[in-house]
Amino acid sequence: MKKFLSLFLLTTMLFCFFAGCTKEEEKTEIIVFAAASMTETLTELGSRYMADHPEISIVFNFDSSGTLKTQIQSGAACDIFISAGQKQMNQLDITANRDVNTEELDFILTGSRFDILENKVALAVPEGNPAGIESYDDLYQALSAGRVLLAMGNSDVPVGQYTQKIFAYYGLSEEALAEKGCLTYGSNVKEVTTQVKEAAVSCGILYSTDAFSAGITVVDTATAEMCGQVIYPAAILNTTQQRDAAEEFLDFLKSDPADAVFSAVGFTPIA
């Protein structure tokens, strides 16, 4: 009987020990939906953060802001949303103008939204710049003459929307350019970047940061007059179950070490 009792106590202790270890090893998972143009920087910053916070696991989902907005609206699990444009954030924010949030969606945690970064809309060319495009003015002339192929984002992608504003600034018709075969599209900025890097197009309109990460040449950047400022808003979703952890990670993204990583690739930290 004593032998049985000793074996029982030992088994119980071992069970409690391993159960305790398993519990201690459980990580708090933060799911971050972020614009594709942040892929390299956030991946690096996420790795740094997890190294210093082994109790945290960060899962990233990078895509166009429009696609991410749709996924959130459809019920995808997400704790933090960082968009490459205000429009997609506004479409999820019940406090935004109803002209933008037409469906009166309410996904943004009150008080958590802030502007984190600024980017630039860049005109980039393949190696050697075979079309000889040196500026947006050159692009205007070349598009008007129908002698270049430009890569741009789709209309539901922020970089595509900025490109449409540049067309409007120069008085260019996107429809007419498409009919002339002067345009090709990407579903996110990374696809546009790839087309330029692979010299599948004469040039492309993307973000300065993506050009830097891909090692391709920027010949011009758009002014605020041409397309407005490129501001990235960030927010916690009101559906999160990890509010404290999400707030702490966003605080890290506002820190000096994070600013250094963002600045190194061409972002301008705001927060």
Protein backbone atom coordinates (compact mmCIF):
# COMPACT_ATOMS: atom_id res chain seq x y z
CA MET A 1 0.00 0.00 0.00
CA LYS A 2 2.81 2.38 0.92
CA LYS A 3 4.53 1.56 -2.36
CA PHE A 4 1.33 2.30 -4.27
CA LEU A 5 0.83 5.56 -2.39
CA SER A 6 4.41 6.65 -3.07
CA LEU A 7 4.02 5.86 -6.76
CA PHE A 8 0.74 7.78 -6.84
CA LEU A 9 2.30 10.85 -5.18
CA LEU A 10 5.28 10.74 -7.53
CA THR A 11 3.00 10.50 -10.57
CA THR A 12 0.90 13.39 -9.28
CA MET A 13 3.97 15.54 -8.69
CA LEU A 14 5.33 14.82 -12.14
CA PHE A 15 1.97 15.63 -13.71
CA CYS A 16 1.76 18.92 -11.83
CA PHE A 17 5.34 19.76 -12.77
CA PHE A 18 4.87 19.15 -16.49
CA ALA A 19 1.48 20.82 -16.47
CA GLY A 20 3.07 23.84 -14.82
CA CYS A 21 5.87 23.92 -17.37
CA THR A 22 3.40 23.75 -20.22
CA LYS A 23 1.44 26.61 -18.75
CA GLU A 24 4.59 28.70 -18.30
CA GLU A 25 5.62 28.05 -21.91
CA GLU A 26 2.32 29.26 -23.35
CA LYS A 27 2.86 32.48 -25.26
CA THR A 28 0.58 35.46 -25.72
CA GLU A 29 -0.07 35.76 -29.44
CA ILE A 30 -0.49 39.16 -31.12
CA ILE A 31 -1.82 39.16 -34.67
CA VAL A 32 -0.75 42.19 -36.69
CA PHE A 33 -2.28 43.08 -40.07
CA ALA A 34 0.07 45.52 -41.80
CA ALA A 35 0.54 47.12 -45.22
CA ALA A 36 2.81 45.13 -47.54
CA SER A 37 5.25 48.05 -47.69
CA MET A 38 6.12 47.37 -44.03
CA THR A 39 7.11 43.74 -44.56
CA GLU A 40 10.86 44.06 -44.07
CA THR A 41 10.82 46.60 -41.24
CA LEU A 42 8.08 44.99 -39.16
CA THR A 43 9.53 41.51 -39.62
CA GLU A 44 12.84 42.77 -38.24
CA LEU A 45 11.21 44.70 -35.40
CA GLY A 46 8.96 41.79 -34.54
CA SER A 47 11.96 39.48 -34.25
CA ARG A 48 13.73 41.96 -31.97
CA TYR A 49 10.67 42.36 -29.80
CA MET A 50 10.10 38.63 -29.40
CA ALA A 51 13.76 38.11 -28.52
CA ASP A 52 13.34 40.56 -25.64
CA HIS A 53 9.86 39.28 -24.75
CA PRO A 54 9.94 35.47 -25.03
CA GLU A 55 6.42 35.30 -23.60
CA ILE A 56 5.08 37.04 -26.74
CA SER A 57 4.47 35.57 -30.19
CA ILE A 58 3.79 38.04 -33.02
CA VAL A 59 2.08 36.80 -36.17
CA PHE A 60 2.14 39.15 -39.17
CA ASN A 61 -0.22 39.27 -42.12
CA PHE A 62 1.15 41.56 -44.85
CA ASP A 63 -0.95 42.57 -47.85
CA SER A 64 -2.53 45.59 -49.47
CA SER A 65 -4.42 47.75 -46.98
CA GLY A 66 -7.63 47.23 -48.93
CA THR A 67 -7.32 43.46 -48.74
CA LEU A 68 -6.53 43.60 -45.03
CA LYS A 69 -9.53 45.86 -44.39
CA THR A 70 -11.78 43.34 -46.17
CA GLN A 71 -10.33 40.46 -44.15
CA ILE A 72 -10.94 42.31 -40.89
CA GLN A 73 -14.47 43.18 -41.94
CA SER A 74 -15.05 39.50 -42.75
CA GLY A 75 -14.09 38.45 -39.23
CA ALA A 76 -10.42 37.52 -39.53
CA ALA A 77 -8.62 37.34 -36.20
CA CYS A 78 -6.55 40.50 -35.77
CA ASP A 79 -5.30 42.58 -32.85
CA ILE A 80 -3.47 45.46 -34.58
CA PHE A 81 -4.06 47.07 -37.98
CA ILE A 82 -1.46 49.33 -39.64
CA SER A 83 -2.61 50.75 -42.94
CA ALA A 84 -0.68 52.53 -45.70
CA GLY A 85 -3.52 55.02 -46.05
CA GLN A 86 -6.13 56.76 -43.94
CA LYS A 87 -9.00 55.58 -46.13
CA GLN A 88 -8.80 51.90 -45.17
CA MET A 89 -8.53 52.75 -41.48
CA ASN A 90 -11.41 55.20 -41.74
CA GLN A 91 -13.56 52.53 -43.35
CA LEU A 92 -13.29 50.52 -40.11
CA ASP A 93 -13.60 53.49 -37.72
CA ILE A 94 -17.11 54.40 -36.53
CA THR A 95 -15.88 57.91 -35.67
CA ALA A 96 -14.77 58.59 -39.26
CA ASN A 97 -16.78 60.59 -41.75
CA ARG A 98 -19.75 58.64 -43.11
CA ASP A 99 -18.68 59.57 -46.63
CA VAL A 100 -15.74 57.20 -46.11
CA ASN A 101 -17.14 54.72 -43.58
CA THR A 102 -20.21 54.18 -45.70
CA GLU A 103 -21.06 50.86 -44.05
CA GLU A 104 -20.76 52.34 -40.54
CA LEU A 105 -18.26 49.68 -39.50
CA ASP A 106 -17.01 49.74 -35.91
CA PHE A 107 -13.76 47.81 -35.48
CA ILE A 108 -11.32 50.37 -34.04
CA LEU A 109 -10.69 50.48 -30.29
CA THR A 110 -11.52 53.96 -29.05
CA GLY A 111 -8.44 56.00 -28.23
CA SER A 112 -5.96 53.53 -29.73
CA ARG A 113 -5.60 55.07 -33.20
CA PHE A 114 -2.60 57.23 -34.08
CA ASP A 115 -0.41 58.13 -37.07
CA ILE A 116 2.87 56.24 -36.90
CA LEU A 117 4.82 56.85 -40.14
CA GLU A 118 5.08 58.87 -43.33
CA ASN A 119 6.29 57.45 -46.64
CA LYS A 120 6.93 58.91 -50.10
CA VAL A 121 5.36 57.97 -53.43
CA ALA A 122 8.35 57.21 -55.62
CA LEU A 123 8.92 56.85 -59.33
CA ALA A 124 11.31 53.93 -59.75
CA VAL A 125 13.04 52.47 -62.79
CA PRO A 126 14.73 49.15 -63.66
CA GLU A 127 18.50 48.80 -63.75
CA GLY A 128 19.96 50.97 -66.47
CA ASN A 129 16.74 52.97 -66.87
CA PRO A 130 16.28 51.91 -70.52
CA ALA A 131 13.29 54.22 -71.06
CA GLY A 132 15.25 57.23 -69.82
CA ILE A 133 12.60 58.37 -67.34
CA GLU A 134 14.19 60.82 -64.89
CA SER A 135 11.18 62.55 -63.29
CA TYR A 136 7.40 62.65 -63.02
CA ASP A 137 7.44 65.33 -65.72
CA ASP A 138 9.29 62.90 -68.00
CA LEU A 139 6.72 60.24 -67.14
CA TYR A 140 3.89 62.59 -68.08
CA GLN A 141 5.45 63.25 -71.48
CA ALA A 142 6.17 59.56 -72.09
CA LEU A 143 2.68 58.44 -71.08
CA SER A 144 1.11 61.13 -73.25
CA ALA A 145 3.12 59.84 -76.18
CA GLY A 146 2.27 56.23 -75.35
CA ARG A 147 5.91 55.12 -75.28
CA VAL A 148 6.27 53.60 -71.79
CA LEU A 149 4.70 50.85 -69.73
CA LEU A 150 4.01 51.93 -66.16
CA ALA A 151 3.36 49.58 -63.24
CA MET A 152 0.89 50.87 -60.66
CA GLY A 153 -1.28 49.52 -57.85
CA ASN A 154 -4.91 48.56 -58.25
CA SER A 155 -7.53 51.15 -57.37
CA ASP A 156 -8.24 49.49 -53.99
CA VAL A 157 -4.57 49.71 -53.00
CA PRO A 158 -3.29 52.92 -51.38
CA VAL A 159 -0.30 53.21 -53.71
CA GLY A 160 -2.70 52.87 -56.64
CA GLN A 161 -4.91 55.59 -55.20
CA TYR A 162 -1.90 57.89 -54.82
CA THR A 163 -1.00 57.15 -58.46
CA GLN A 164 -4.52 58.11 -59.55
CA LYS A 165 -4.06 61.45 -57.77
CA ILE A 166 -0.81 61.98 -59.67
CA PHE A 167 -2.66 61.28 -62.93
CA ALA A 168 -5.27 63.86 -61.94
CA TYR A 169 -2.53 66.37 -61.11
CA TYR A 170 -1.12 66.01 -64.64
CA GLY A 171 -4.53 65.82 -66.30
CA LEU A 172 -3.99 62.23 -67.45
CA SER A 173 -6.84 59.77 -67.97
CA GLU A 174 -6.16 56.36 -66.46
CA GLU A 175 -8.79 54.81 -68.72
CA ALA A 176 -7.19 56.27 -71.83
CA LEU A 177 -3.73 55.15 -70.73
CA ALA A 178 -4.99 51.64 -70.07
CA GLU A 179 -6.60 51.53 -73.52
CA LYS A 180 -3.28 52.53 -75.08
CA GLY A 181 -1.57 49.68 -73.24
CA CYS A 182 0.56 51.98 -71.09
CA LEU A 183 -0.43 50.52 -67.72
CA THR A 184 -0.01 47.28 -65.86
CA TYR A 185 -1.30 46.64 -62.33
CA GLY A 186 -0.31 45.01 -59.07
CA SER A 187 -2.61 43.85 -56.28
CA ASN A 188 -0.20 45.31 -53.72
CA VAL A 189 2.93 47.45 -53.75
CA LYS A 190 5.21 44.40 -53.64
CA GLU A 191 3.85 43.22 -56.99
CA VAL A 192 4.52 46.65 -58.48
CA THR A 193 8.04 46.57 -57.05
CA THR A 194 8.70 43.14 -58.53
CA GLN A 195 7.64 44.26 -62.00
CA VAL A 196 10.13 47.13 -61.85
CA LYS A 197 12.95 45.02 -60.40
CA GLU A 198 12.48 42.37 -63.09
CA ALA A 199 12.41 45.07 -65.82
CA ALA A 200 9.00 43.88 -66.97
CA VAL A 201 7.96 47.55 -67.21
CA SER A 202 9.57 50.87 -68.09
CA CYS A 203 8.97 52.26 -64.59
CA GLY A 204 6.65 51.96 -61.61
CA ILE A 205 5.03 54.11 -58.96
CA LEU A 206 5.59 52.64 -55.51
CA TYR A 207 6.89 53.71 -52.10
CA SER A 208 10.43 54.92 -51.43
CA THR A 209 10.79 52.25 -48.75
CA ASP A 210 9.95 49.41 -51.12
CA ALA A 211 12.42 50.71 -53.68
CA PHE A 212 15.09 50.83 -50.98
CA SER A 213 14.37 47.29 -49.78
CA ALA A 214 14.38 45.95 -53.35
CA GLY A 215 17.54 47.82 -54.32
CA ILE A 216 15.97 49.63 -57.28
CA THR A 217 16.54 53.22 -58.38
CA VAL A 218 14.22 56.07 -57.46
CA VAL A 219 14.34 58.96 -59.94
CA ASP A 220 11.70 61.20 -58.34
CA THR A 221 9.29 61.44 -55.41
CA ALA A 222 5.84 63.02 -55.51
CA THR A 223 5.11 66.20 -53.60
CA ALA A 224 2.16 66.63 -51.25
CA GLU A 225 0.60 68.87 -53.91
CA MET A 226 0.64 65.98 -56.36
CA CYS A 227 -0.93 63.27 -54.21
CA GLY A 228 -1.15 64.38 -50.58
CA GLN A 229 0.90 63.00 -47.71
CA VAL A 230 1.39 59.26 -47.35
CA ILE A 231 0.50 58.71 -43.70
CA TYR A 232 0.31 55.29 -42.05
CA PRO A 233 -2.25 55.06 -39.22
CA ALA A 234 -2.12 52.30 -36.61
CA ALA A 235 -4.82 51.08 -34.23
CA ILE A 236 -5.90 48.22 -32.00
CA LEU A 237 -9.10 46.48 -32.98
CA ASN A 238 -11.94 46.47 -30.47
CA THR A 239 -12.28 42.71 -31.01
CA THR A 240 -8.85 42.02 -29.50
CA GLN A 241 -8.41 39.70 -26.56
CA GLN A 242 -4.84 40.92 -26.06
CA ARG A 243 -5.26 44.66 -25.48
CA ASP A 244 -2.40 45.09 -22.99
CA ALA A 245 0.07 43.13 -25.11
CA ALA A 246 -1.01 44.98 -28.25
CA GLU A 247 -0.56 48.36 -26.54
CA GLU A 248 2.93 47.37 -25.36
CA PHE A 249 3.98 46.31 -28.86
CA LEU A 250 2.69 49.56 -30.36
CA ASP A 251 4.60 51.48 -27.70
CA PHE A 252 7.73 49.63 -28.84
CA LEU A 253 7.03 50.68 -32.45
CA LYS A 254 7.12 54.31 -31.26
CA SER A 255 10.47 53.87 -29.50
CA ASP A 256 13.84 55.25 -30.61
CA PRO A 257 15.21 51.82 -31.63
CA ALA A 258 12.14 51.22 -33.83
CA ASP A 259 12.41 54.74 -35.28
CA ALA A 260 15.99 53.95 -36.32
CA VAL A 261 14.86 50.85 -38.23
CA PHE A 262 12.03 52.72 -39.94
CA SER A 263 14.25 55.69 -40.82
CA ALA A 264 16.97 53.46 -42.29
CA VAL A 265 14.69 52.40 -45.15
CA GLY A 266 13.11 55.78 -45.80
CA PHE A 267 10.13 56.03 -43.46
CA THR A 268 9.66 59.21 -41.44
CA PRO A 269 8.49 58.32 -37.91
CA ILE A 270 5.61 60.49 -36.65
CA ALA A 271 4.58 59.01 -33.32
